[in-house]
Amino acid sequence: MSNLILLGTRKGIVILDRKDSSWHPRPIEHAGVPVCYAARDPRDATLWASLDHGHWGPKLSRSRDAGTTWENAPAIKYPEGARYIVKVLPTPDFDPDAPTGQPEYAGATVYKIWNIAFGSDAQPGRLYAGTIPGGLFVSDDGGESWELNRPLWNHESRGGDLFRGDATSENRWQGTPASIDYGVFEPGIHSIVIDPRDADHIHVAVSTAGVLETTDGGKSWTGRNQGMLMDYSPNPKAEWGHDPHFVAGCPGEPDHLWQQNHCGVFYSNDGAQNWRAVSKPEADARFGFPVAVDANDGRTAWVIPAKGDFERMAIGGGLAVARTTDGGQSWQSLRNGLPQEHAYDIVLRHALDIAGDTLCFGSTTGNVYLSEDRGENWQCLGNHFPPIYSVRFG
């Protein structure tokens, strides 16, 4: 198992080290600065953190010495001429399929670096970053320079190539509430899943649009939302407008993908060609944000449920983790060692991770829990951390 856990928190990055069968937090780094995502590059052990400076804007920081020292990485910027169609916060009677008037355009700027992903061993310098407002950036030199993936940015589902002129198709990408703090309501890319068999095969997930796939290294993209539902929409089976909260794949069986969203848990065993709803509300598997998948068995996954959209807290005041080992046909509610009274935790989309048989998650109330037996039993690693945005094993 890993001997390092990275916590991206509201007030900096916390690194926990495993020593003598227990976990010890180091002093906080980037103190006072929100870290919305932190992860370790498995190829060269570099640690990466996405900083969410309120005044200076989003920045990347990296450590080449296991977190002892940190340095600013070159900034991610949209190229000149990058535009998008402005979205607005929907009203309760909002219909995403209703005709719209003349679109309003805005110049693109990075509001948030929401996710960082690492290329294959055959691509030693390849990094990916997903941003609000919905751009996928690629680096081939270890983060020294970044380039916007234009085929995705210019996709017909979001209006076409706005570098060339006004929209040639209707924008079906809606905004995400995660962007409201930045004074906008725009989409964002929070999940990047790279097929370990083929580095040119990638899935991304967008709030709020859905899942897209490329099989040619990002030269073209296809929507992969068949079988997903939006039970809050006048057209629940619409091709676009879905809000996957997080999408995770199985490294050993990459055709198996999982997600949680507003309408439940969804599973695909054919590379997202089709999704199947596998929620079991009676077993604490429906609404939630994160999902973790076993590294070798694509039918085994864990989710952490929440009560619902308007009451985002633990169900019934007790924390639970739901596990399936049969592709969502059945679920177990795992609670041993987790608080069952007066628990108001919510676990965000990047705040659950797995390494071997060990799982770890952190909550917005600053609690961190770890299981070393696939979720059967849990121990608390701390109750007084800042609100936790991401948890990743190093």
Protein backbone atom coordinates (compact mmCIF):
# COMPACT_ATOMS: atom_id res chain seq x y z
CA MET A 1 0.00 0.00 0.00
CA SER A 2 1.00 3.64 -0.31
CA ASN A 3 2.81 5.37 2.55
CA LEU A 4 1.67 8.85 1.54
CA ILE A 5 -1.71 10.61 1.47
CA LEU A 6 -2.19 14.07 -0.04
CA LEU A 7 -5.05 16.22 1.22
CA GLY A 8 -6.07 19.25 -0.79
CA THR A 9 -7.90 21.49 1.68
CA ARG A 10 -9.53 24.88 2.02
CA LYS A 11 -6.40 26.20 3.76
CA GLY A 12 -3.51 24.43 2.06
CA ILE A 13 -2.09 20.99 1.37
CA VAL A 14 -1.61 18.44 4.15
CA ILE A 15 0.64 15.41 3.63
CA LEU A 16 0.19 12.37 5.85
CA ASP A 17 3.04 9.87 6.18
CA ARG A 18 2.65 6.28 7.28
CA LYS A 19 5.15 5.45 10.04
CA ASP A 20 5.07 2.42 12.32
CA SER A 21 1.56 1.42 11.21
CA SER A 22 0.09 4.86 11.94
CA TRP A 23 -0.38 8.06 9.98
CA HIS A 24 1.21 11.40 10.88
CA PRO A 25 0.34 14.76 9.29
CA ARG A 26 3.12 17.16 8.34
CA PRO A 27 2.82 20.92 8.86
CA ILE A 28 0.50 22.44 6.29
CA GLU A 29 1.97 23.76 3.02
CA HIS A 30 0.56 26.69 1.02
CA ALA A 31 -1.03 27.72 4.30
CA GLY A 32 -4.23 29.71 3.88
CA VAL A 33 -4.53 29.01 0.14
CA PRO A 34 -7.32 26.70 -1.10
CA VAL A 35 -5.91 23.61 -2.82
CA CYS A 36 -8.69 22.14 -4.92
CA TYR A 37 -6.65 19.15 -6.13
CA ALA A 38 -3.32 17.53 -5.23
CA ALA A 39 -1.76 14.36 -6.63
CA ARG A 40 1.53 12.53 -7.17
CA ASP A 41 2.83 11.76 -10.65
CA PRO A 42 3.57 8.00 -10.51
CA ARG A 43 6.19 8.29 -13.23
CA ASP A 44 8.66 10.62 -11.52
CA ALA A 45 7.13 11.13 -8.03
CA THR A 46 6.56 14.88 -8.56
CA LEU A 47 3.78 16.24 -6.35
CA TRP A 48 1.31 18.62 -7.98
CA ALA A 49 -1.14 21.01 -6.36
CA SER A 50 -3.79 23.20 -7.94
CA LEU A 51 -3.93 26.44 -5.96
CA ASP A 52 -7.10 28.50 -5.96
CA HIS A 53 -5.84 31.96 -5.01
CA GLY A 54 -8.78 34.28 -4.49
CA HIS A 55 -6.79 37.36 -5.48
CA TRP A 56 -4.07 36.04 -7.80
CA GLY A 57 -6.17 33.45 -9.58
CA PRO A 58 -5.45 29.74 -10.12
CA LYS A 59 -1.87 28.53 -10.11
CA LEU A 60 -0.02 25.21 -10.21
CA SER A 61 2.62 24.31 -7.66
CA ARG A 62 4.93 21.31 -7.71
CA SER A 63 7.42 19.57 -5.48
CA ARG A 64 10.26 17.42 -6.79
CA ASP A 65 11.45 16.33 -3.34
CA ALA A 66 8.39 14.60 -1.84
CA GLY A 67 6.87 17.80 -0.50
CA THR A 68 9.88 19.27 1.29
CA THR A 69 9.98 22.32 -1.00
CA TRP A 70 7.50 23.69 -3.54
CA GLU A 71 7.86 25.85 -6.63
CA ASN A 72 5.38 27.64 -8.86
CA ALA A 73 4.84 25.95 -12.20
CA PRO A 74 4.18 27.95 -15.39
CA ALA A 75 0.65 29.31 -15.59
CA ILE A 76 -2.10 27.76 -17.67
CA LYS A 77 -3.62 30.37 -19.99
CA TYR A 78 -6.22 30.34 -22.72
CA PRO A 79 -4.86 31.37 -26.12
CA GLU A 80 -5.78 34.71 -27.61
CA GLY A 81 -9.16 34.53 -29.30
CA ALA A 82 -10.55 31.75 -27.11
CA ARG A 83 -14.22 32.50 -26.45
CA TYR A 84 -17.22 30.71 -25.04
CA ILE A 85 -20.97 31.22 -24.95
CA VAL A 86 -22.02 32.65 -21.61
CA LYS A 87 -24.36 30.52 -19.50
CA VAL A 88 -26.62 31.73 -16.70
CA LEU A 89 -27.78 30.08 -13.50
CA PRO A 90 -31.02 28.25 -14.42
CA THR A 91 -34.35 29.02 -12.82
CA PRO A 92 -36.55 26.21 -11.38
CA ASP A 93 -38.50 25.96 -14.67
CA PHE A 94 -35.32 25.92 -16.80
CA ASP A 95 -35.56 23.76 -19.94
CA PRO A 96 -32.12 23.01 -21.43
CA ASP A 97 -33.72 22.00 -24.72
CA ALA A 98 -35.74 25.18 -25.15
CA PRO A 99 -34.70 27.51 -28.01
CA THR A 100 -32.48 30.38 -26.93
CA GLY A 101 -31.97 33.88 -28.27
CA GLN A 102 -28.76 35.34 -29.61
CA PRO A 103 -25.81 34.00 -27.61
CA GLU A 104 -23.58 36.21 -25.51
CA TYR A 105 -19.84 35.63 -25.89
CA ALA A 106 -17.01 36.11 -23.41
CA GLY A 107 -13.25 35.83 -23.66
CA ALA A 108 -11.95 32.73 -21.89
CA THR A 109 -9.87 32.95 -18.75
CA VAL A 110 -8.97 30.20 -16.29
CA TYR A 111 -11.16 30.39 -13.21
CA LYS A 112 -10.19 27.06 -11.69
CA ILE A 113 -7.80 24.18 -12.41
CA TRP A 114 -10.13 21.42 -11.29
CA ASN A 115 -8.15 18.26 -12.04
CA ILE A 116 -4.68 17.07 -13.04
CA ALA A 117 -3.97 13.76 -14.78
CA PHE A 118 -0.76 12.06 -15.85
CA GLY A 119 0.10 10.41 -19.14
CA SER A 120 1.45 6.92 -19.65
CA ASP A 121 5.00 5.69 -19.04
CA ALA A 122 5.56 6.08 -22.77
CA GLN A 123 4.73 9.80 -22.44
CA PRO A 124 7.10 10.94 -19.67
CA GLY A 125 6.25 14.63 -20.01
CA ARG A 126 2.50 14.36 -20.68
CA LEU A 127 0.13 16.06 -18.24
CA TYR A 128 -3.52 17.01 -18.51
CA ALA A 129 -5.46 19.70 -16.67
CA GLY A 130 -9.22 20.24 -16.65
CA THR A 131 -10.48 23.75 -16.02
CA ILE A 132 -13.48 25.95 -15.52
CA PRO A 133 -14.72 27.16 -18.05
CA GLY A 134 -14.52 23.74 -19.65
CA GLY A 135 -11.09 23.61 -21.25
CA LEU A 136 -8.77 20.60 -21.39
CA PHE A 137 -5.10 21.59 -21.40
CA VAL A 138 -2.19 19.33 -22.37
CA SER A 139 1.51 19.57 -21.59
CA ASP A 140 4.22 17.44 -23.17
CA ASP A 141 7.15 18.94 -21.27
CA GLY A 142 6.32 18.22 -17.66
CA GLY A 143 4.18 21.30 -17.15
CA GLU A 144 6.63 23.85 -18.58
CA SER A 145 4.08 24.82 -21.25
CA TRP A 146 0.40 24.07 -21.81
CA GLU A 147 -1.81 23.94 -24.90
CA LEU A 148 -5.59 24.05 -25.09
CA ASN A 149 -7.16 21.01 -26.77
CA ARG A 150 -9.06 22.88 -29.46
CA PRO A 151 -11.13 20.02 -30.90
CA LEU A 152 -12.87 19.65 -27.52
CA TRP A 153 -13.10 23.41 -26.94
CA ASN A 154 -14.53 23.85 -30.45
CA HIS A 155 -16.89 20.87 -30.26
CA GLU A 156 -20.25 21.30 -31.95
CA SER A 157 -22.01 20.50 -28.69
CA ARG A 158 -20.83 23.83 -27.32
CA GLY A 159 -21.25 26.07 -30.36
CA GLY A 160 -18.47 25.13 -32.75
CA ASP A 161 -15.23 26.97 -33.48
CA LEU A 162 -15.62 30.38 -31.89
CA PHE A 163 -12.07 31.30 -32.86
CA ARG A 164 -13.36 31.66 -36.41
CA GLY A 165 -16.56 33.56 -35.67
CA ASP A 166 -19.94 33.22 -34.03
CA ALA A 167 -21.58 29.95 -33.10
CA THR A 168 -22.51 27.50 -35.84
CA SER A 169 -24.43 25.17 -33.51
CA GLU A 170 -26.26 25.44 -30.21
CA ASN A 171 -24.28 25.30 -27.00
CA ARG A 172 -25.48 22.29 -24.99
CA TRP A 173 -22.91 22.63 -22.23
CA GLN A 174 -24.49 24.12 -19.13
CA GLY A 175 -22.75 25.69 -16.16
CA THR A 176 -21.70 24.13 -12.87
CA PRO A 177 -22.50 25.52 -9.41
CA ALA A 178 -18.79 25.04 -8.64
CA SER A 179 -18.16 28.14 -10.78
CA ILE A 180 -20.53 30.47 -8.91
CA ASP A 181 -17.84 31.52 -6.44
CA TYR A 182 -15.94 32.99 -9.38
CA GLY A 183 -18.86 35.17 -10.42
CA VAL A 184 -19.78 33.02 -13.42
CA PHE A 185 -21.90 29.97 -14.22
CA GLU A 186 -19.79 28.02 -16.69
CA PRO A 187 -18.96 24.34 -17.28
CA GLY A 188 -15.89 22.60 -15.94
CA ILE A 189 -13.85 19.46 -16.60
CA HIS A 190 -13.26 17.52 -13.38
CA SER A 191 -12.53 13.94 -14.54
CA ILE A 192 -9.86 12.72 -16.97
CA VAL A 193 -9.61 8.94 -17.42
CA ILE A 194 -6.74 7.64 -19.57
CA ASP A 195 -6.90 4.08 -20.89
CA PRO A 196 -3.72 2.29 -19.72
CA ARG A 197 -3.88 0.10 -22.86
CA ASP A 198 -3.89 3.07 -25.24
CA ALA A 199 -2.78 6.56 -24.22
CA ASP A 200 -4.77 8.06 -27.11
CA HIS A 201 -8.01 6.73 -25.60
CA ILE A 202 -9.34 9.20 -23.04
CA HIS A 203 -12.65 9.96 -21.35
CA VAL A 204 -13.43 13.32 -19.79
CA ALA A 205 -16.43 14.31 -17.71
CA VAL A 206 -17.94 17.77 -17.75
CA SER A 207 -20.22 19.51 -15.32
CA THR A 208 -22.61 20.19 -16.85
CA ALA A 209 -22.54 18.42 -20.22
CA GLY A 210 -21.72 14.74 -19.73
CA VAL A 211 -18.97 12.33 -20.74
CA LEU A 212 -16.91 12.63 -23.93
CA GLU A 213 -14.43 10.19 -25.47
CA THR A 214 -11.47 10.49 -27.80
CA THR A 215 -9.74 7.52 -29.43
CA ASP A 216 -7.21 9.56 -31.41
CA GLY A 217 -5.38 11.51 -28.74
CA GLY A 218 -7.79 14.42 -28.66
CA LYS A 219 -8.12 15.13 -32.38
CA SER A 220 -11.85 14.33 -32.23
CA TRP A 221 -14.41 13.81 -29.46
CA THR A 222 -17.70 11.94 -29.20
CA GLY A 223 -20.38 12.26 -26.54
CA ARG A 224 -20.85 9.11 -24.43
CA ASN A 225 -24.08 9.68 -22.50
CA GLN A 226 -26.27 6.83 -23.72
CA GLY A 227 -28.24 5.44 -20.80
CA MET A 228 -27.62 8.37 -18.48
CA LEU A 229 -30.70 10.10 -17.09
CA MET A 230 -31.60 13.58 -15.86
CA ASP A 231 -34.77 13.05 -13.82
CA TYR A 232 -34.91 16.77 -13.08
CA SER A 233 -35.12 17.71 -16.78
CA PRO A 234 -38.11 17.88 -19.15
CA ASN A 235 -36.12 15.54 -21.40
CA PRO A 236 -34.41 13.06 -19.02
CA LYS A 237 -32.72 11.17 -21.88
CA ALA A 238 -31.29 14.21 -23.67
CA GLU A 239 -27.91 13.68 -25.27
CA TRP A 240 -26.30 16.63 -23.47
CA GLY A 241 -26.68 18.45 -20.18
CA HIS A 242 -25.79 15.62 -17.80
CA ASP A 243 -23.90 16.37 -14.62
CA PRO A 244 -21.56 13.50 -13.76
CA HIS A 245 -20.02 14.37 -10.43
CA PHE A 246 -16.98 12.17 -10.94
CA VAL A 247 -16.01 9.42 -13.40
CA ALA A 248 -13.47 6.73 -12.50
CA GLY A 249 -12.18 3.74 -14.44
CA CYS A 250 -10.69 0.38 -13.55
CA PRO A 251 -6.98 0.25 -14.52
CA GLY A 252 -7.00 -3.53 -14.93
CA GLU A 253 -10.29 -3.60 -16.87
CA PRO A 254 -10.46 -0.19 -18.54
CA ASP A 255 -13.81 -0.78 -20.24
CA HIS A 256 -15.42 -0.62 -16.78
CA LEU A 257 -16.29 2.95 -15.80
CA TRP A 258 -18.31 4.34 -12.90
CA GLN A 259 -19.89 7.64 -11.93
CA GLN A 260 -22.13 9.29 -9.36
CA ASN A 261 -24.39 12.19 -10.25
CA HIS A 262 -27.60 13.94 -9.23
CA CYS A 263 -29.70 11.04 -10.46
CA GLY A 264 -27.77 8.15 -8.97
CA VAL A 265 -24.91 5.76 -9.60
CA PHE A 266 -24.18 4.73 -13.20
CA TYR A 267 -21.96 1.92 -14.50
CA SER A 268 -20.60 0.97 -17.90
CA ASN A 269 -18.79 -2.23 -18.85
CA ASP A 270 -18.32 -1.29 -22.51
CA GLY A 271 -16.12 1.78 -22.32
CA ALA A 272 -19.00 4.25 -21.82
CA GLN A 273 -20.74 3.21 -25.00
CA ASN A 274 -23.70 2.58 -22.72
CA TRP A 275 -24.40 3.50 -19.10
CA ARG A 276 -26.69 1.62 -16.75
CA ALA A 277 -28.35 3.02 -13.64
CA VAL A 278 -27.37 0.82 -10.68
CA SER A 279 -28.61 2.84 -7.71
CA LYS A 280 -29.95 1.12 -4.62
CA PRO A 281 -31.25 3.86 -2.30
CA GLU A 282 -32.19 1.30 0.34
CA ALA A 283 -28.51 0.30 0.51
CA ASP A 284 -27.22 3.89 0.62
CA ALA A 285 -26.26 4.01 -3.06
CA ARG A 286 -27.83 6.90 -4.95
CA PHE A 287 -26.95 10.60 -4.75
CA GLY A 288 -23.34 11.49 -4.08
CA PHE A 289 -20.09 12.83 -5.48
CA PRO A 290 -17.01 10.53 -5.38
CA VAL A 291 -16.52 6.99 -6.63
CA ALA A 292 -13.52 4.65 -6.34
CA VAL A 293 -12.97 1.51 -8.41
CA ASP A 294 -10.93 -1.59 -7.64
CA ALA A 295 -7.69 -1.63 -9.63
CA ASN A 296 -8.24 -5.12 -11.04
CA ASP A 297 -11.97 -5.89 -10.83
CA GLY A 298 -14.12 -3.44 -12.78
CA ARG A 299 -17.32 -4.68 -11.13
CA THR A 300 -16.16 -3.60 -7.67
CA ALA A 301 -16.66 0.03 -6.66
CA TRP A 302 -17.27 2.22 -3.62
CA VAL A 303 -19.42 5.34 -3.32
CA ILE A 304 -20.18 7.66 -0.42
CA PRO A 305 -23.84 8.68 -0.33
CA ALA A 306 -25.37 12.00 0.61
CA LYS A 307 -28.95 12.82 1.48
CA GLY A 308 -29.66 14.84 -1.64
CA ASP A 309 -29.24 18.04 -3.59
CA PHE A 310 -30.76 20.37 -1.04
CA GLU A 311 -29.57 18.57 2.09
CA ARG A 312 -25.98 17.76 1.33
CA MET A 313 -25.03 15.85 4.44
CA ALA A 314 -24.78 12.27 5.68
CA ILE A 315 -27.98 10.26 5.49
CA GLY A 316 -29.79 10.12 8.81
CA GLY A 317 -26.87 11.68 10.65
CA GLY A 318 -24.62 8.65 10.09
CA LEU A 319 -21.69 8.21 7.71
CA ALA A 320 -21.73 5.22 5.36
CA VAL A 321 -19.73 3.88 2.43
CA ALA A 322 -21.55 1.70 -0.09
CA ARG A 323 -19.73 -1.12 -1.92
CA THR A 324 -20.67 -3.35 -4.81
CA THR A 325 -18.76 -6.37 -6.10
CA ASP A 326 -21.14 -7.33 -8.91
CA GLY A 327 -21.43 -4.28 -11.11
CA GLY A 328 -24.11 -2.61 -9.02
CA GLN A 329 -26.59 -5.49 -8.90
CA SER A 330 -26.28 -5.42 -5.12
CA TRP A 331 -24.70 -3.07 -2.58
CA GLN A 332 -23.45 -3.29 1.00
CA SER A 333 -23.64 -0.37 3.41
CA LEU A 334 -20.36 -0.25 5.35
CA ARG A 335 -20.42 1.72 8.63
CA ASN A 336 -18.12 0.05 11.16
CA GLY A 337 -15.87 2.71 12.70
CA LEU A 338 -17.75 5.62 11.11
CA PRO A 339 -19.86 8.01 13.25
CA GLN A 340 -23.56 7.13 13.26
CA GLU A 341 -24.94 10.12 15.17
CA HIS A 342 -24.69 13.86 14.56
CA ALA A 343 -22.53 13.42 11.46
CA TYR A 344 -23.02 16.19 8.91
CA ASP A 345 -20.16 15.32 6.57
CA ILE A 346 -20.25 15.64 2.83
CA VAL A 347 -17.51 14.12 0.67
CA LEU A 348 -16.65 15.99 -2.52
CA ARG A 349 -15.92 14.47 -5.93
CA HIS A 350 -12.13 14.16 -5.55
CA ALA A 351 -12.09 13.31 -1.84
CA LEU A 352 -12.12 9.48 -2.01
CA ASP A 353 -9.25 7.32 -3.22
CA ILE A 354 -8.12 3.70 -3.22
CA ALA A 355 -4.71 2.00 -3.23
CA GLY A 356 -4.83 -1.78 -3.15
CA ASP A 357 -7.20 -2.74 -0.34
CA THR A 358 -6.88 0.64 1.36
CA LEU A 359 -9.44 3.42 0.99
CA CYS A 360 -9.31 6.94 2.35
CA PHE A 361 -11.78 9.81 2.27
CA GLY A 362 -12.06 13.29 3.74
CA SER A 363 -15.05 15.51 4.33
CA THR A 364 -15.94 19.18 4.18
CA THR A 365 -16.10 19.13 7.98
CA GLY A 366 -12.40 18.24 8.16
CA ASN A 367 -12.67 14.56 9.07
CA VAL A 368 -10.43 11.92 7.46
CA TYR A 369 -11.20 8.20 7.56
CA LEU A 370 -9.16 5.22 6.38
CA SER A 371 -9.95 1.54 5.82
CA GLU A 372 -7.29 -1.10 5.21
CA ASP A 373 -9.74 -3.93 4.49
CA ARG A 374 -11.74 -2.67 1.52
CA GLY A 375 -14.20 -0.69 3.61
CA GLU A 376 -15.17 -3.31 6.17
CA ASN A 377 -13.68 -1.31 9.06
CA TRP A 378 -12.72 2.35 9.34
CA GLN A 379 -10.43 4.40 11.54
CA CYS A 380 -10.31 8.17 11.94
CA LEU A 381 -7.03 9.87 11.02
CA GLY A 382 -8.11 13.29 12.28
CA ASN A 383 -11.10 15.52 12.97
CA HIS A 384 -9.72 19.02 12.75
CA PHE A 385 -8.38 19.41 9.24
CA PRO A 386 -9.63 22.28 7.08
CA PRO A 387 -12.52 21.43 4.73
CA ILE A 388 -11.17 18.76 2.37
CA TYR A 389 -11.45 19.06 -1.41
CA SER A 390 -9.31 16.14 -2.56
CA VAL A 391 -7.72 12.96 -1.21
CA ARG A 392 -5.09 11.08 -3.18
CA PHE A 393 -2.61 8.37 -2.26
CA GLY A 394 0.97 9.19 -3.19
